[in-house]
């Protein structure tokens, strides 16, 4: 889920998670990760949706996760080799390129990354493990 993913990033980086109201209509003080979401918003790592929501309980896509990691860690790579990632139109394209160049993410046998596909828990765990190794180097 979007909120859980951001909470994991916040925990990894030691962000403040004091319960707080956010500017998102669907993330109030009672949401478990409201503090993490507020930090990420204040730092410009996320912006939510045009309707003023964050949708913390929606699934996160592979492209959205790459975009958030790219924003948080300032990851920008060159052009992606994935057939379905376009620098002009794909959410997180520069981050996808960086993450792929550093073997943090991978694509599918058909040469695609599938940026609009839901990120599975197993994929998320793999990304976080490889990200940790990358950050230690």
C-alpha atoms as a PDB file:
ATOM      1  CA  UNK A   1       0.000   0.000   0.000  1.00  0.00           C
ATOM      2  CA  UNK A   2       1.096   3.572  -0.613  1.00  0.00           C
ATOM      3  CA  UNK A   3       1.049   4.558   3.061  1.00  0.00           C
ATOM      4  CA  UNK A   4       2.854   1.429   4.211  1.00  0.00           C
ATOM      5  CA  UNK A   5       5.560   1.922   1.591  1.00  0.00           C
ATOM      6  CA  UNK A   6       6.172   5.470   2.720  1.00  0.00           C
ATOM      7  CA  UNK A   7       6.249   4.344   6.347  1.00  0.00           C
ATOM      8  CA  UNK A   8       8.973   1.815   5.500  1.00  0.00           C
ATOM      9  CA  UNK A   9      11.062   4.513   3.831  1.00  0.00           C
ATOM     10  CA  UNK A  10      10.484   6.828   6.793  1.00  0.00           C
ATOM     11  CA  UNK A  11      11.553   4.162   9.264  1.00  0.00           C
ATOM     12  CA  UNK A  12      14.649   3.393   7.236  1.00  0.00           C
ATOM     13  CA  UNK A  13      15.660   7.051   7.312  1.00  0.00           C
ATOM     14  CA  UNK A  14      14.562   7.798  10.870  1.00  0.00           C
ATOM     15  CA  UNK A  15      11.897  10.356   9.950  1.00  0.00           C
ATOM     16  CA  UNK A  16       9.642  11.752  12.649  1.00  0.00           C
ATOM     17  CA  UNK A  17       6.329   9.902  12.782  1.00  0.00           C
ATOM     18  CA  UNK A  18       4.565  11.944  15.424  1.00  0.00           C
ATOM     19  CA  UNK A  19       0.846  11.804  14.622  1.00  0.00           C
ATOM     20  CA  UNK A  20      -0.139  14.923  12.732  1.00  0.00           C
ATOM     21  CA  UNK A  21      -2.741  16.282  10.408  1.00  0.00           C
ATOM     22  CA  UNK A  22      -1.550  16.449   6.840  1.00  0.00           C
ATOM     23  CA  UNK A  23      -2.822  18.553   3.982  1.00  0.00           C
ATOM     24  CA  UNK A  24      -4.298  15.408   2.407  1.00  0.00           C
ATOM     25  CA  UNK A  25      -8.021  15.025   3.001  1.00  0.00           C
ATOM     26  CA  UNK A  26      -7.663  11.261   3.465  1.00  0.00           C
ATOM     27  CA  UNK A  27      -4.686  11.260   5.866  1.00  0.00           C
ATOM     28  CA  UNK A  28      -5.549  12.550   9.299  1.00  0.00           C
ATOM     29  CA  UNK A  29      -3.703  12.461  12.583  1.00  0.00           C
ATOM     30  CA  UNK A  30      -5.129   9.016  13.375  1.00  0.00           C
ATOM     31  CA  UNK A  31      -3.486   7.375  10.332  1.00  0.00           C
ATOM     32  CA  UNK A  32      -0.506   5.305  11.555  1.00  0.00           C
ATOM     33  CA  UNK A  33       1.955   6.875   9.120  1.00  0.00           C
ATOM     34  CA  UNK A  34       0.696  10.447   9.132  1.00  0.00           C
ATOM     35  CA  UNK A  35       4.010  11.791  10.402  1.00  0.00           C
ATOM     36  CA  UNK A  36       5.979  10.025   7.676  1.00  0.00           C
ATOM     37  CA  UNK A  37       3.593  11.305   5.024  1.00  0.00           C
ATOM     38  CA  UNK A  38       3.881  14.842   6.383  1.00  0.00           C
ATOM     39  CA  UNK A  39       7.698  14.715   6.312  1.00  0.00           C
ATOM     40  CA  UNK A  40       7.693  13.370   2.755  1.00  0.00           C
ATOM     41  CA  UNK A  41       5.281  16.094   1.663  1.00  0.00           C
ATOM     42  CA  UNK A  42       7.166  18.890   3.401  1.00  0.00           C
ATOM     43  CA  UNK A  43      10.450  17.730   1.824  1.00  0.00           C
ATOM     44  CA  UNK A  44       8.849  17.587  -1.619  1.00  0.00           C
ATOM     45  CA  UNK A  45       9.267  13.834  -2.045  1.00  0.00           C
ATOM     46  CA  UNK A  46       5.546  13.270  -2.701  1.00  0.00           C
ATOM     47  CA  UNK A  47       2.672  15.439  -3.804  1.00  0.00           C
ATOM     48  CA  UNK A  48      -0.389  13.226  -3.820  1.00  0.00           C
ATOM     49  CA  UNK A  49      -3.192  13.434  -6.336  1.00  0.00           C
ATOM     50  CA  UNK A  50      -4.837  16.480  -7.932  1.00  0.00           C
ATOM     51  CA  UNK A  51      -7.999  15.939  -5.859  1.00  0.00           C
ATOM     52  CA  UNK A  52      -6.069  16.589  -2.629  1.00  0.00           C
ATOM     53  CA  UNK A  53      -5.799  12.949  -1.558  1.00  0.00           C
ATOM     54  CA  UNK A  54      -2.829  10.682  -0.951  1.00  0.00           C
ATOM     55  CA  UNK A  55      -4.788   7.400  -1.084  1.00  0.00           C
ATOM     56  CA  UNK A  56      -2.654   5.661   1.550  1.00  0.00           C
ATOM     57  CA  UNK A  57      -4.572   2.390   1.310  1.00  0.00           C
ATOM     58  CA  UNK A  58      -4.278   2.056  -2.468  1.00  0.00           C
ATOM     59  CA  UNK A  59      -1.702  -0.213  -4.009  1.00  0.00           C
ATOM     60  CA  UNK A  60       1.498   1.454  -5.107  1.00  0.00           C
ATOM     61  CA  UNK A  61       2.746   0.959  -8.640  1.00  0.00           C
ATOM     62  CA  UNK A  62       6.259   0.024  -9.620  1.00  0.00           C
ATOM     63  CA  UNK A  63       6.701   3.434 -11.232  1.00  0.00           C
ATOM     64  CA  UNK A  64       5.385   5.331  -8.202  1.00  0.00           C
ATOM     65  CA  UNK A  65       7.791   3.511  -5.895  1.00  0.00           C
ATOM     66  CA  UNK A  66      10.701   4.276  -8.214  1.00  0.00           C
ATOM     67  CA  UNK A  67       9.652   7.939  -8.367  1.00  0.00           C
ATOM     68  CA  UNK A  68       9.488   8.222  -4.567  1.00  0.00           C
ATOM     69  CA  UNK A  69      12.889   6.551  -4.143  1.00  0.00           C
ATOM     70  CA  UNK A  70      14.279   8.810  -6.847  1.00  0.00           C
ATOM     71  CA  UNK A  71      12.976  11.887  -5.041  1.00  0.00           C
ATOM     72  CA  UNK A  72      14.147  10.793  -1.602  1.00  0.00           C
ATOM     73  CA  UNK A  73      17.626   9.668  -2.632  1.00  0.00           C
ATOM     74  CA  UNK A  74      18.096  11.952  -5.651  1.00  0.00           C
ATOM     75  CA  UNK A  75      18.460   9.000  -8.005  1.00  0.00           C
ATOM     76  CA  UNK A  76      18.534   9.934 -11.680  1.00  0.00           C
ATOM     77  CA  UNK A  77      19.816   7.674 -14.374  1.00  0.00           C
ATOM     78  CA  UNK A  78      20.233   7.894 -18.098  1.00  0.00           C
ATOM     79  CA  UNK A  79      17.717   6.544 -20.560  1.00  0.00           C
ATOM     80  CA  UNK A  80      16.103   3.293 -19.560  1.00  0.00           C
ATOM     81  CA  UNK A  81      16.486   0.144 -21.649  1.00  0.00           C
ATOM     82  CA  UNK A  82      12.940  -0.969 -20.819  1.00  0.00           C
ATOM     83  CA  UNK A  83      10.579  -1.003 -23.797  1.00  0.00           C
ATOM     84  CA  UNK A  84       7.709   0.485 -21.786  1.00  0.00           C
ATOM     85  CA  UNK A  85       9.597   3.284 -19.978  1.00  0.00           C
ATOM     86  CA  UNK A  86       9.637   6.622 -21.759  1.00  0.00           C
ATOM     87  CA  UNK A  87      11.532   9.555 -20.249  1.00  0.00           C
ATOM     88  CA  UNK A  88       8.733  11.943 -21.286  1.00  0.00           C
ATOM     89  CA  UNK A  89       5.676  10.052 -20.083  1.00  0.00           C
ATOM     90  CA  UNK A  90       6.578   7.408 -17.494  1.00  0.00           C
ATOM     91  CA  UNK A  91       6.290   8.246 -13.800  1.00  0.00           C
ATOM     92  CA  UNK A  92       9.732   7.823 -12.260  1.00  0.00           C
ATOM     93  CA  UNK A  93      11.542   7.169 -15.570  1.00  0.00           C
ATOM     94  CA  UNK A  94      14.886   8.681 -14.466  1.00  0.00           C
ATOM     95  CA  UNK A  95      14.719   6.824 -11.146  1.00  0.00           C
ATOM     96  CA  UNK A  96      13.806   3.579 -12.902  1.00  0.00           C
ATOM     97  CA  UNK A  97      16.897   4.000 -15.090  1.00  0.00           C
ATOM     98  CA  UNK A  98      19.123   4.632 -12.052  1.00  0.00           C
ATOM     99  CA  UNK A  99      17.672   1.775 -10.023  1.00  0.00           C
ATOM    100  CA  UNK A 100      18.090  -0.570 -12.974  1.00  0.00           C
ATOM    101  CA  UNK A 101      21.656   0.597 -13.696  1.00  0.00           C
ATOM    102  CA  UNK A 102      22.535  -0.282 -10.082  1.00  0.00           C
ATOM    103  CA  UNK A 103      20.703  -3.629 -10.085  1.00  0.00           C
ATOM    104  CA  UNK A 104      18.183  -2.501  -7.467  1.00  0.00           C
ATOM    105  CA  UNK A 105      15.222  -3.195  -9.764  1.00  0.00           C
ATOM    106  CA  UNK A 106      14.858  -5.448 -12.744  1.00  0.00           C
ATOM    107  CA  UNK A 107      12.378  -5.916 -15.517  1.00  0.00           C
ATOM    108  CA  UNK A 108      10.664  -8.829 -17.146  1.00  0.00           C
ATOM    109  CA  UNK A 109      11.823 -11.298 -19.783  1.00  0.00           C
ATOM    110  CA  UNK A 110       9.950  -9.386 -22.484  1.00  0.00           C
ATOM    111  CA  UNK A 111      12.099  -6.281 -21.875  1.00  0.00           C
ATOM    112  CA  UNK A 112       9.401  -4.398 -19.981  1.00  0.00           C
ATOM    113  CA  UNK A 113       9.444  -2.812 -16.533  1.00  0.00           C
ATOM    114  CA  UNK A 114       5.651  -2.504 -16.177  1.00  0.00           C
ATOM    115  CA  UNK A 115       5.687   0.820 -14.311  1.00  0.00           C
ATOM    116  CA  UNK A 116       1.893   0.911 -13.969  1.00  0.00           C
ATOM    117  CA  UNK A 117       1.696  -2.589 -12.472  1.00  0.00           C
ATOM    118  CA  UNK A 118       1.101  -2.998  -8.767  1.00  0.00           C
ATOM    119  CA  UNK A 119       4.282  -3.491  -6.760  1.00  0.00           C
ATOM    120  CA  UNK A 120       4.054  -6.801  -4.907  1.00  0.00           C
ATOM    121  CA  UNK A 121       5.259  -7.268  -1.343  1.00  0.00           C
ATOM    122  CA  UNK A 122       7.998  -9.600  -2.581  1.00  0.00           C
ATOM    123  CA  UNK A 123       9.183  -7.001  -5.099  1.00  0.00           C
ATOM    124  CA  UNK A 124       9.110  -4.319  -2.411  1.00  0.00           C
ATOM    125  CA  UNK A 125      11.158  -6.495  -0.056  1.00  0.00           C
ATOM    126  CA  UNK A 126      13.687  -7.206  -2.793  1.00  0.00           C
ATOM    127  CA  UNK A 127      14.007  -3.518  -3.672  1.00  0.00           C
ATOM    128  CA  UNK A 128      14.511  -2.566  -0.036  1.00  0.00           C
ATOM    129  CA  UNK A 129      17.149  -5.234   0.479  1.00  0.00           C
ATOM    130  CA  UNK A 130      19.084  -4.203  -2.624  1.00  0.00           C
ATOM    131  CA  UNK A 131      18.626  -0.512  -1.783  1.00  0.00           C
ATOM    132  CA  UNK A 132      20.152  -1.110   1.635  1.00  0.00           C
ATOM    133  CA  UNK A 133      23.160  -2.811   0.085  1.00  0.00           C
ATOM    134  CA  UNK A 134      23.519   0.028  -2.418  1.00  0.00           C
ATOM    135  CA  UNK A 135      23.356   2.715   0.255  1.00  0.00           C
ATOM    136  CA  UNK A 136      26.042   0.950   2.315  1.00  0.00           C
ATOM    137  CA  UNK A 137      28.483   0.975  -0.606  1.00  0.00           C
END
